[in-house]
C-alpha atoms as a PDB file:
ATOM      1  CA  UNK A   1       8.297  66.584 -37.585  1.00  0.00           C
ATOM      2  CA  UNK A   2       8.611  62.938 -38.682  1.00  0.00           C
ATOM      3  CA  UNK A   3       7.727  59.826 -36.709  1.00  0.00           C
ATOM      4  CA  UNK A   4       9.117  56.868 -38.647  1.00  0.00           C
ATOM      5  CA  UNK A   5       9.183  54.227 -35.954  1.00  0.00           C
ATOM      6  CA  UNK A   6       8.194  50.721 -37.023  1.00  0.00           C
ATOM      7  CA  UNK A   7       9.391  51.113 -40.591  1.00  0.00           C
ATOM      8  CA  UNK A   8      12.118  48.929 -42.080  1.00  0.00           C
ATOM      9  CA  UNK A   9      14.774  51.437 -43.150  1.00  0.00           C
ATOM     10  CA  UNK A  10      17.590  48.878 -43.347  1.00  0.00           C
ATOM     11  CA  UNK A  11      18.303  49.664 -47.025  1.00  0.00           C
ATOM     12  CA  UNK A  12      19.043  53.321 -46.241  1.00  0.00           C
ATOM     13  CA  UNK A  13      22.464  54.705 -47.214  1.00  0.00           C
ATOM     14  CA  UNK A  14      24.824  56.530 -44.860  1.00  0.00           C
ATOM     15  CA  UNK A  15      24.174  60.008 -46.272  1.00  0.00           C
ATOM     16  CA  UNK A  16      20.408  59.695 -45.943  1.00  0.00           C
ATOM     17  CA  UNK A  17      20.651  58.123 -42.492  1.00  0.00           C
ATOM     18  CA  UNK A  18      22.829  61.003 -41.300  1.00  0.00           C
ATOM     19  CA  UNK A  19      20.264  63.517 -42.524  1.00  0.00           C
ATOM     20  CA  UNK A  20      17.443  61.526 -40.985  1.00  0.00           C
ATOM     21  CA  UNK A  21      19.131  61.256 -37.581  1.00  0.00           C
ATOM     22  CA  UNK A  22      19.655  64.995 -37.326  1.00  0.00           C
ATOM     23  CA  UNK A  23      16.213  65.720 -38.772  1.00  0.00           C
ATOM     24  CA  UNK A  24      14.036  63.541 -36.562  1.00  0.00           C
ATOM     25  CA  UNK A  25      16.161  63.397 -33.445  1.00  0.00           C
ATOM     26  CA  UNK A  26      15.199  65.437 -30.417  1.00  0.00           C
ATOM     27  CA  UNK A  27      16.137  64.982 -26.784  1.00  0.00           C
ATOM     28  CA  UNK A  28      14.715  61.473 -26.620  1.00  0.00           C
ATOM     29  CA  UNK A  29      16.765  58.312 -26.999  1.00  0.00           C
ATOM     30  CA  UNK A  30      17.405  57.266 -30.606  1.00  0.00           C
ATOM     31  CA  UNK A  31      16.385  53.594 -30.624  1.00  0.00           C
ATOM     32  CA  UNK A  32      18.219  51.784 -33.425  1.00  0.00           C
ATOM     33  CA  UNK A  33      15.761  48.881 -33.560  1.00  0.00           C
ATOM     34  CA  UNK A  34      12.764  51.211 -34.044  1.00  0.00           C
ATOM     35  CA  UNK A  35      13.810  51.474 -37.695  1.00  0.00           C
ATOM     36  CA  UNK A  36      15.040  47.861 -38.198  1.00  0.00           C
ATOM     37  CA  UNK A  37      18.567  49.174 -38.672  1.00  0.00           C
ATOM     38  CA  UNK A  38      21.604  46.842 -38.567  1.00  0.00           C
ATOM     39  CA  UNK A  39      25.315  47.011 -37.839  1.00  0.00           C
ATOM     40  CA  UNK A  40      25.900  47.673 -41.553  1.00  0.00           C
ATOM     41  CA  UNK A  41      23.778  50.811 -41.311  1.00  0.00           C
ATOM     42  CA  UNK A  42      25.858  51.924 -38.334  1.00  0.00           C
ATOM     43  CA  UNK A  43      29.090  51.354 -40.263  1.00  0.00           C
ATOM     44  CA  UNK A  44      27.752  53.395 -43.200  1.00  0.00           C
ATOM     45  CA  UNK A  45      26.759  56.232 -40.890  1.00  0.00           C
ATOM     46  CA  UNK A  46      30.202  56.208 -39.250  1.00  0.00           C
ATOM     47  CA  UNK A  47      31.910  56.237 -42.670  1.00  0.00           C
ATOM     48  CA  UNK A  48      29.797  59.205 -43.740  1.00  0.00           C
ATOM     49  CA  UNK A  49      30.705  61.186 -40.626  1.00  0.00           C
ATOM     50  CA  UNK A  50      34.379  60.248 -40.899  1.00  0.00           C
ATOM     51  CA  UNK A  51      34.675  61.292 -44.559  1.00  0.00           C
ATOM     52  CA  UNK A  52      32.997  64.676 -44.219  1.00  0.00           C
ATOM     53  CA  UNK A  53      33.778  65.510 -40.584  1.00  0.00           C
ATOM     54  CA  UNK A  54      30.089  65.837 -39.747  1.00  0.00           C
ATOM     55  CA  UNK A  55      28.711  65.662 -36.223  1.00  0.00           C
ATOM     56  CA  UNK A  56      25.591  63.945 -34.906  1.00  0.00           C
ATOM     57  CA  UNK A  57      23.289  65.760 -32.492  1.00  0.00           C
ATOM     58  CA  UNK A  58      21.920  62.860 -30.462  1.00  0.00           C
ATOM     59  CA  UNK A  59      22.426  62.740 -26.707  1.00  0.00           C
ATOM     60  CA  UNK A  60      21.239  59.174 -26.090  1.00  0.00           C
ATOM     61  CA  UNK A  61      21.669  56.239 -28.470  1.00  0.00           C
ATOM     62  CA  UNK A  62      20.344  52.731 -27.878  1.00  0.00           C
ATOM     63  CA  UNK A  63      22.044  49.976 -29.883  1.00  0.00           C
ATOM     64  CA  UNK A  64      21.100  47.208 -27.443  1.00  0.00           C
ATOM     65  CA  UNK A  65      20.602  43.738 -28.949  1.00  0.00           C
ATOM     66  CA  UNK A  66      22.238  44.774 -32.248  1.00  0.00           C
ATOM     67  CA  UNK A  67      24.945  42.253 -33.187  1.00  0.00           C
ATOM     68  CA  UNK A  68      28.103  44.386 -33.180  1.00  0.00           C
ATOM     69  CA  UNK A  69      30.586  41.492 -33.265  1.00  0.00           C
ATOM     70  CA  UNK A  70      31.763  42.522 -36.751  1.00  0.00           C
ATOM     71  CA  UNK A  71      32.430  46.166 -35.920  1.00  0.00           C
ATOM     72  CA  UNK A  72      35.909  47.548 -35.314  1.00  0.00           C
ATOM     73  CA  UNK A  73      36.836  49.442 -32.190  1.00  0.00           C
ATOM     74  CA  UNK A  74      38.106  52.254 -34.419  1.00  0.00           C
ATOM     75  CA  UNK A  75      34.638  52.620 -35.965  1.00  0.00           C
ATOM     76  CA  UNK A  76      32.999  52.924 -32.552  1.00  0.00           C
ATOM     77  CA  UNK A  77      35.638  55.491 -31.597  1.00  0.00           C
ATOM     78  CA  UNK A  78      34.742  57.524 -34.699  1.00  0.00           C
ATOM     79  CA  UNK A  79      31.067  57.276 -33.719  1.00  0.00           C
ATOM     80  CA  UNK A  80      31.927  58.735 -30.314  1.00  0.00           C
ATOM     81  CA  UNK A  81      34.105  61.445 -31.843  1.00  0.00           C
ATOM     82  CA  UNK A  82      31.303  62.479 -34.198  1.00  0.00           C
ATOM     83  CA  UNK A  83      28.772  62.533 -31.331  1.00  0.00           C
ATOM     84  CA  UNK A  84      30.112  65.314 -29.062  1.00  0.00           C
ATOM     85  CA  UNK A  85      26.807  65.707 -27.175  1.00  0.00           C
ATOM     86  CA  UNK A  86      26.313  61.989 -26.516  1.00  0.00           C
ATOM     87  CA  UNK A  87      25.704  61.289 -22.830  1.00  0.00           C
ATOM     88  CA  UNK A  88      24.644  57.644 -22.965  1.00  0.00           C
ATOM     89  CA  UNK A  89      25.419  54.846 -25.424  1.00  0.00           C
ATOM     90  CA  UNK A  90      23.594  51.607 -24.705  1.00  0.00           C
ATOM     91  CA  UNK A  91      25.479  48.663 -26.216  1.00  0.00           C
ATOM     92  CA  UNK A  92      24.122  46.026 -23.876  1.00  0.00           C
ATOM     93  CA  UNK A  93      23.784  42.488 -25.251  1.00  0.00           C
ATOM     94  CA  UNK A  94      25.579  43.397 -28.481  1.00  0.00           C
ATOM     95  CA  UNK A  95      28.041  40.480 -28.747  1.00  0.00           C
ATOM     96  CA  UNK A  96      30.972  42.776 -28.024  1.00  0.00           C
ATOM     97  CA  UNK A  97      34.285  41.320 -26.829  1.00  0.00           C
ATOM     98  CA  UNK A  98      36.997  42.614 -24.541  1.00  0.00           C
ATOM     99  CA  UNK A  99      39.329  43.083 -27.509  1.00  0.00           C
ATOM    100  CA  UNK A 100      36.814  45.347 -29.271  1.00  0.00           C
ATOM    101  CA  UNK A 101      36.435  47.449 -26.119  1.00  0.00           C
ATOM    102  CA  UNK A 102      40.223  47.662 -25.810  1.00  0.00           C
ATOM    103  CA  UNK A 103      40.398  49.014 -29.377  1.00  0.00           C
ATOM    104  CA  UNK A 104      37.611  51.516 -28.662  1.00  0.00           C
ATOM    105  CA  UNK A 105      39.417  52.952 -25.631  1.00  0.00           C
ATOM    106  CA  UNK A 106      42.799  53.018 -27.372  1.00  0.00           C
ATOM    107  CA  UNK A 107      41.387  54.721 -30.470  1.00  0.00           C
ATOM    108  CA  UNK A 108      39.539  57.262 -28.326  1.00  0.00           C
ATOM    109  CA  UNK A 109      42.859  58.146 -26.693  1.00  0.00           C
ATOM    110  CA  UNK A 110      44.495  58.569 -30.095  1.00  0.00           C
ATOM    111  CA  UNK A 111      41.663  60.788 -31.308  1.00  0.00           C
ATOM    112  CA  UNK A 112      41.539  62.811 -28.051  1.00  0.00           C
ATOM    113  CA  UNK A 113      37.963  61.715 -27.421  1.00  0.00           C
ATOM    114  CA  UNK A 114      37.137  62.184 -23.745  1.00  0.00           C
ATOM    115  CA  UNK A 115      34.575  59.633 -22.597  1.00  0.00           C
ATOM    116  CA  UNK A 116      32.021  60.916 -20.111  1.00  0.00           C
ATOM    117  CA  UNK A 117      31.504  58.987 -16.848  1.00  0.00           C
ATOM    118  CA  UNK A 118      28.735  56.427 -17.239  1.00  0.00           C
ATOM    119  CA  UNK A 119      28.632  56.905 -21.023  1.00  0.00           C
ATOM    120  CA  UNK A 120      28.978  53.250 -22.037  1.00  0.00           C
ATOM    121  CA  UNK A 121      26.466  50.580 -21.052  1.00  0.00           C
ATOM    122  CA  UNK A 122      28.117  47.236 -21.833  1.00  0.00           C
ATOM    123  CA  UNK A 123      26.002  44.853 -19.766  1.00  0.00           C
ATOM    124  CA  UNK A 124      25.311  41.460 -21.293  1.00  0.00           C
ATOM    125  CA  UNK A 125      28.512  41.312 -23.362  1.00  0.00           C
ATOM    126  CA  UNK A 126      31.157  38.636 -22.855  1.00  0.00           C
ATOM    127  CA  UNK A 127      34.271  40.643 -22.002  1.00  0.00           C
ATOM    128  CA  UNK A 128      36.171  37.697 -20.509  1.00  0.00           C
ATOM    129  CA  UNK A 129      39.061  38.154 -22.970  1.00  0.00           C
ATOM    130  CA  UNK A 130      39.752  41.651 -21.628  1.00  0.00           C
ATOM    131  CA  UNK A 131      43.220  42.415 -20.230  1.00  0.00           C
ATOM    132  CA  UNK A 132      43.845  43.914 -16.798  1.00  0.00           C
ATOM    133  CA  UNK A 133      44.768  47.399 -18.035  1.00  0.00           C
ATOM    134  CA  UNK A 134      41.655  47.729 -20.198  1.00  0.00           C
ATOM    135  CA  UNK A 135      39.449  46.386 -17.405  1.00  0.00           C
ATOM    136  CA  UNK A 136      40.923  48.969 -15.037  1.00  0.00           C
ATOM    137  CA  UNK A 137      40.065  51.741 -17.501  1.00  0.00           C
ATOM    138  CA  UNK A 138      36.557  50.360 -17.979  1.00  0.00           C
ATOM    139  CA  UNK A 139      35.930  50.167 -14.238  1.00  0.00           C
ATOM    140  CA  UNK A 140      37.261  53.704 -13.837  1.00  0.00           C
ATOM    141  CA  UNK A 141      34.919  54.921 -16.566  1.00  0.00           C
ATOM    142  CA  UNK A 142      31.813  53.142 -15.300  1.00  0.00           C
ATOM    143  CA  UNK A 143      32.152  53.567 -11.538  1.00  0.00           C
ATOM    144  CA  UNK A 144      31.814  57.320 -11.301  1.00  0.00           C
ATOM    145  CA  UNK A 145      28.012  56.984 -11.301  1.00  0.00           C
ATOM    146  CA  UNK A 146      27.974  55.234  -7.885  1.00  0.00           C
ATOM    147  CA  UNK A 147      26.091  52.186  -9.161  1.00  0.00           C
ATOM    148  CA  UNK A 148      27.087  48.674  -8.121  1.00  0.00           C
ATOM    149  CA  UNK A 149      29.636  47.102 -10.480  1.00  0.00           C
ATOM    150  CA  UNK A 150      28.271  43.609 -11.113  1.00  0.00           C
ATOM    151  CA  UNK A 151      30.969  41.212 -12.273  1.00  0.00           C
ATOM    152  CA  UNK A 152      28.570  38.790 -13.970  1.00  0.00           C
ATOM    153  CA  UNK A 153      27.055  41.544 -16.142  1.00  0.00           C
ATOM    154  CA  UNK A 154      30.174  41.273 -18.309  1.00  0.00           C
ATOM    155  CA  UNK A 155      30.803  37.489 -18.040  1.00  0.00           C
ATOM    156  CA  UNK A 156      34.041  38.182 -16.186  1.00  0.00           C
ATOM    157  CA  UNK A 157      35.903  35.412 -14.363  1.00  0.00           C
ATOM    158  CA  UNK A 158      38.232  35.063 -11.389  1.00  0.00           C
ATOM    159  CA  UNK A 159      41.152  35.334 -13.833  1.00  0.00           C
ATOM    160  CA  UNK A 160      39.892  38.763 -14.882  1.00  0.00           C
ATOM    161  CA  UNK A 161      39.804  39.762 -11.211  1.00  0.00           C
ATOM    162  CA  UNK A 162      43.381  38.560 -10.721  1.00  0.00           C
ATOM    163  CA  UNK A 163      44.466  40.460 -13.852  1.00  0.00           C
ATOM    164  CA  UNK A 164      42.830  43.643 -12.544  1.00  0.00           C
ATOM    165  CA  UNK A 165      44.510  43.301  -9.144  1.00  0.00           C
ATOM    166  CA  UNK A 166      47.905  42.679 -10.772  1.00  0.00           C
ATOM    167  CA  UNK A 167      47.441  45.796 -12.904  1.00  0.00           C
ATOM    168  CA  UNK A 168      46.692  47.902  -9.830  1.00  0.00           C
ATOM    169  CA  UNK A 169      49.711  46.429  -8.052  1.00  0.00           C
ATOM    170  CA  UNK A 170      52.084  47.056 -10.975  1.00  0.00           C
ATOM    171  CA  UNK A 171      50.888  50.578 -11.798  1.00  0.00           C
ATOM    172  CA  UNK A 172      49.640  51.763  -8.412  1.00  0.00           C
ATOM    173  CA  UNK A 173      46.178  52.521  -9.788  1.00  0.00           C
ATOM    174  CA  UNK A 174      43.223  53.118  -7.493  1.00  0.00           C
ATOM    175  CA  UNK A 175      39.735  51.806  -8.255  1.00  0.00           C
ATOM    176  CA  UNK A 176      36.849  54.223  -7.760  1.00  0.00           C
ATOM    177  CA  UNK A 177      33.998  51.813  -7.201  1.00  0.00           C
ATOM    178  CA  UNK A 178      31.886  52.074  -4.061  1.00  0.00           C
ATOM    179  CA  UNK A 179      29.974  48.829  -4.481  1.00  0.00           C
ATOM    180  CA  UNK A 180      31.274  45.624  -6.095  1.00  0.00           C
ATOM    181  CA  UNK A 181      29.199  42.489  -6.634  1.00  0.00           C
ATOM    182  CA  UNK A 182      31.204  39.279  -7.139  1.00  0.00           C
ATOM    183  CA  UNK A 183      28.367  36.997  -6.022  1.00  0.00           C
ATOM    184  CA  UNK A 184      28.255  33.569  -7.643  1.00  0.00           C
ATOM    185  CA  UNK A 185      31.826  33.836  -8.905  1.00  0.00           C
ATOM    186  CA  UNK A 186      34.078  30.864  -8.110  1.00  0.00           C
ATOM    187  CA  UNK A 187      36.856  32.389  -5.996  1.00  0.00           C
ATOM    188  CA  UNK A 188      38.219  29.100  -4.644  1.00  0.00           C
ATOM    189  CA  UNK A 189      41.500  29.613  -6.531  1.00  0.00           C
ATOM    190  CA  UNK A 190      42.194  33.133  -5.288  1.00  0.00           C
ATOM    191  CA  UNK A 191      44.622  33.911  -2.492  1.00  0.00           C
ATOM    192  CA  UNK A 192      43.656  35.936   0.531  1.00  0.00           C
ATOM    193  CA  UNK A 193      46.560  38.276  -0.255  1.00  0.00           C
ATOM    194  CA  UNK A 194      44.995  39.026  -3.663  1.00  0.00           C
ATOM    195  CA  UNK A 195      41.701  39.988  -2.062  1.00  0.00           C
ATOM    196  CA  UNK A 196      43.581  42.139   0.448  1.00  0.00           C
ATOM    197  CA  UNK A 197      45.237  43.940  -2.475  1.00  0.00           C
ATOM    198  CA  UNK A 198      41.809  44.451  -4.050  1.00  0.00           C
ATOM    199  CA  UNK A 199      40.623  46.135  -0.860  1.00  0.00           C
ATOM    200  CA  UNK A 200      43.816  48.190  -0.594  1.00  0.00           C
ATOM    201  CA  UNK A 201      43.334  49.529  -4.120  1.00  0.00           C
ATOM    202  CA  UNK A 202      39.626  50.237  -3.519  1.00  0.00           C
ATOM    203  CA  UNK A 203      39.718  52.986  -0.880  1.00  0.00           C
ATOM    204  CA  UNK A 204      36.144  54.139  -1.581  1.00  0.00           C
ATOM    205  CA  UNK A 205      34.619  50.647  -1.484  1.00  0.00           C
ATOM    206  CA  UNK A 206      31.636  50.480   0.863  1.00  0.00           C
ATOM    207  CA  UNK A 207      30.241  47.062   0.006  1.00  0.00           C
ATOM    208  CA  UNK A 208      31.827  43.917  -1.456  1.00  0.00           C
ATOM    209  CA  UNK A 209      29.412  41.082  -2.188  1.00  0.00           C
ATOM    210  CA  UNK A 210      31.220  37.728  -2.215  1.00  0.00           C
ATOM    211  CA  UNK A 211      28.228  35.553  -1.437  1.00  0.00           C
ATOM    212  CA  UNK A 212      28.194  32.035  -2.914  1.00  0.00           C
ATOM    213  CA  UNK A 213      31.799  32.356  -4.099  1.00  0.00           C
ATOM    214  CA  UNK A 214      33.248  29.029  -2.854  1.00  0.00           C
ATOM    215  CA  UNK A 215      35.462  30.824  -0.347  1.00  0.00           C
ATOM    216  CA  UNK A 216      37.007  28.868   2.522  1.00  0.00           C
ATOM    217  CA  UNK A 217      37.875  29.772   6.088  1.00  0.00           C
ATOM    218  CA  UNK A 218      41.595  29.673   5.262  1.00  0.00           C
ATOM    219  CA  UNK A 219      41.152  32.198   2.438  1.00  0.00           C
ATOM    220  CA  UNK A 220      39.273  34.534   4.771  1.00  0.00           C
ATOM    221  CA  UNK A 221      41.971  34.076   7.423  1.00  0.00           C
ATOM    222  CA  UNK A 222      44.673  35.028   4.912  1.00  0.00           C
ATOM    223  CA  UNK A 223      42.574  37.967   3.760  1.00  0.00           C
ATOM    224  CA  UNK A 224      42.238  39.404   7.264  1.00  0.00           C
ATOM    225  CA  UNK A 225      45.891  38.787   8.106  1.00  0.00           C
ATOM    226  CA  UNK A 226      47.065  40.483   4.910  1.00  0.00           C
ATOM    227  CA  UNK A 227      44.765  43.439   5.562  1.00  0.00           C
ATOM    228  CA  UNK A 228      46.427  43.845   8.966  1.00  0.00           C
ATOM    229  CA  UNK A 229      49.903  43.684   7.400  1.00  0.00           C
ATOM    230  CA  UNK A 230      49.000  46.253   4.739  1.00  0.00           C
ATOM    231  CA  UNK A 231      47.197  48.569   7.198  1.00  0.00           C
ATOM    232  CA  UNK A 232      43.925  48.121   5.315  1.00  0.00           C
ATOM    233  CA  UNK A 233      41.102  49.187   7.619  1.00  0.00           C
ATOM    234  CA  UNK A 234      37.915  47.281   6.837  1.00  0.00           C
ATOM    235  CA  UNK A 235      34.787  49.412   7.089  1.00  0.00           C
ATOM    236  CA  UNK A 236      32.045  48.358   9.475  1.00  0.00           C
ATOM    237  CA  UNK A 237      28.880  47.483   7.592  1.00  0.00           C
ATOM    238  CA  UNK A 238      25.913  49.616   8.523  1.00  0.00           C
ATOM    239  CA  UNK A 239      22.278  49.179   7.617  1.00  0.00           C
ATOM    240  CA  UNK A 240      22.589  51.786   4.839  1.00  0.00           C
ATOM    241  CA  UNK A 241      25.886  50.502   3.408  1.00  0.00           C
END
């Protein structure tokens, strides 16, 4: 009924924003920036839902480019809990950190919120402070859509890769990605045995891009030798792989 795009609604309160979202929202993506809304508006909306136990009807929400650095992981978890039909939440380029994402996932577990595969779009955020366990959970959540997992989308480093491999080794977890892009990442400090472990814990991996990664012949030699020792069979690359 209403088309309010292009209006500055930043002074709106949480109660009114809740009513507006459920009034004007249909099956299209709700674009936060269409209404010049801020992180404070999001917090007010979350508080309103949390206090009254209300649910939001949107299926796609785009918060991209909104500065969410001041938000708590618990508040984002409440947003997800109050949005049972949400299929896609775009939080790309939102100044989120690995610690915030860790809190989101932990709070979702506490609140029994089941996150749908491919729900969170976190590209363009610096998650380099993320721990290995949280990164494992994030990879598991985002790699069920068969897209390539691009390491540089999240400003991850070689230390993050080592932390992920150590987590898999300690807990016996298996990574579900089919395509991993590490291109441009400085891997000169990694051991061939670490990369062999990565391959061992990635049984569905079809393509691993390590172009321009400062790898040496000795690292590759160690990698192949360790794969032989661990009975890791490397797939033959085909034109469609």
